[in-house]
Amino acid sequence: YGDISPSNTGMRVFTLFMIFWGIILIFPSIAAAVTPFTGPVQRKLQDWLEFQFPAEKLDLEGDGSEEYEVPRAPLVYYFK
């Protein structure tokens, strides 16, 4: 917990560079590699949420067609 840390300016700059390198270049590569495996699971969970909490649609103009979908509860809305 802080016992090992960069001790001079050059090491600190190198450490910051490696942190940014990891965030900017490595994480997106890992996400792109994992997405084909997690995508179907995410889609099934979204379909399940849609089944459990169907959207309420409103006819605003009174012509029989539903123009507006009422937003769901925040927990369901943001997970979908």
Protein backbone atom coordinates (compact mmCIF):
# COMPACT_ATOMS: atom_id res chain seq x y z
CA TYR A 1 0.00 0.00 0.00
CA GLY A 2 2.42 2.62 -1.19
CA ASP A 3 5.60 0.83 -0.15
CA ILE A 4 6.74 0.65 -3.77
CA SER A 5 6.28 3.84 -5.76
CA PRO A 6 8.16 5.81 -8.41
CA SER A 7 10.93 7.67 -6.67
CA ASN A 8 12.16 10.13 -9.30
CA THR A 9 10.57 12.28 -11.98
CA GLY A 10 11.51 10.01 -14.88
CA MET A 11 9.90 7.00 -13.24
CA ARG A 12 6.76 8.99 -12.44
CA VAL A 13 6.43 10.16 -16.05
CA PHE A 14 6.94 6.59 -17.27
CA THR A 15 4.28 5.33 -14.84
CA LEU A 16 1.77 7.95 -16.02
CA PHE A 17 2.56 7.09 -19.64
CA MET A 18 1.92 3.37 -18.96
CA ILE A 19 -1.38 4.17 -17.18
CA PHE A 20 -2.62 6.25 -20.11
CA TRP A 21 -1.34 3.63 -22.59
CA GLY A 22 -3.37 0.98 -20.80
CA ILE A 23 -6.52 3.06 -20.59
CA ILE A 24 -6.43 4.41 -24.14
CA LEU A 25 -5.09 1.44 -26.12
CA ILE A 26 -5.31 -1.78 -24.13
CA PHE A 27 -8.81 -1.59 -22.58
CA PRO A 28 -10.59 -1.03 -25.92
CA SER A 29 -8.71 -4.01 -27.38
CA ILE A 30 -9.79 -6.22 -24.50
CA ALA A 31 -13.38 -4.98 -24.80
CA ALA A 32 -13.41 -5.72 -28.54
CA ALA A 33 -12.11 -9.24 -27.89
CA VAL A 34 -14.69 -9.96 -25.16
CA THR A 35 -17.75 -8.43 -26.87
CA PRO A 36 -18.55 -11.44 -29.12
CA PHE A 37 -18.89 -13.59 -25.99
CA THR A 38 -20.79 -11.13 -23.81
CA GLY A 39 -23.05 -9.71 -26.55
CA PRO A 40 -25.49 -12.65 -26.70
CA VAL A 41 -25.78 -12.74 -22.90
CA GLN A 42 -26.47 -9.01 -22.80
CA ARG A 43 -29.12 -9.35 -25.52
CA LYS A 44 -30.87 -12.16 -23.61
CA LEU A 45 -30.89 -10.07 -20.44
CA GLN A 46 -32.33 -7.10 -22.34
CA ASP A 47 -35.05 -9.32 -23.83
CA TRP A 48 -35.84 -10.68 -20.37
CA LEU A 49 -36.13 -7.15 -18.97
CA GLU A 50 -38.42 -6.21 -21.86
CA PHE A 51 -40.60 -9.25 -21.10
CA GLN A 52 -40.71 -8.57 -17.35
CA PHE A 53 -41.26 -4.83 -17.65
CA PRO A 54 -43.00 -4.12 -20.96
CA ALA A 55 -43.06 -0.54 -22.17
CA GLU A 56 -46.29 1.38 -21.80
CA LYS A 57 -47.20 3.10 -25.04
CA LEU A 58 -49.54 6.06 -25.36
CA ASP A 59 -51.68 7.36 -28.17
CA LEU A 60 -51.17 11.11 -27.95
CA GLU A 61 -53.07 12.17 -31.06
CA GLY A 62 -56.09 9.91 -30.57
CA ASP A 63 -55.74 8.33 -34.02
CA GLY A 64 -55.17 4.76 -32.80
CA SER A 65 -51.42 4.61 -33.32
CA GLU A 66 -49.04 4.69 -30.37
CA GLU A 67 -46.57 7.56 -30.74
CA TYR A 68 -44.97 7.75 -27.28
CA GLU A 69 -43.27 5.14 -25.12
CA VAL A 70 -43.35 5.99 -21.41
CA PRO A 71 -39.88 5.69 -19.82
CA ARG A 72 -39.57 2.85 -17.35
CA ALA A 73 -38.16 2.97 -13.83
CA PRO A 74 -34.50 4.16 -13.87
CA LEU A 75 -33.12 0.75 -12.89
CA VAL A 76 -34.82 -0.95 -15.84
CA TYR A 77 -34.28 1.95 -18.25
CA TYR A 78 -30.54 2.21 -17.76
CA PHE A 79 -29.89 -1.55 -17.71
CA LYS A 80 -31.68 -1.85 -21.03
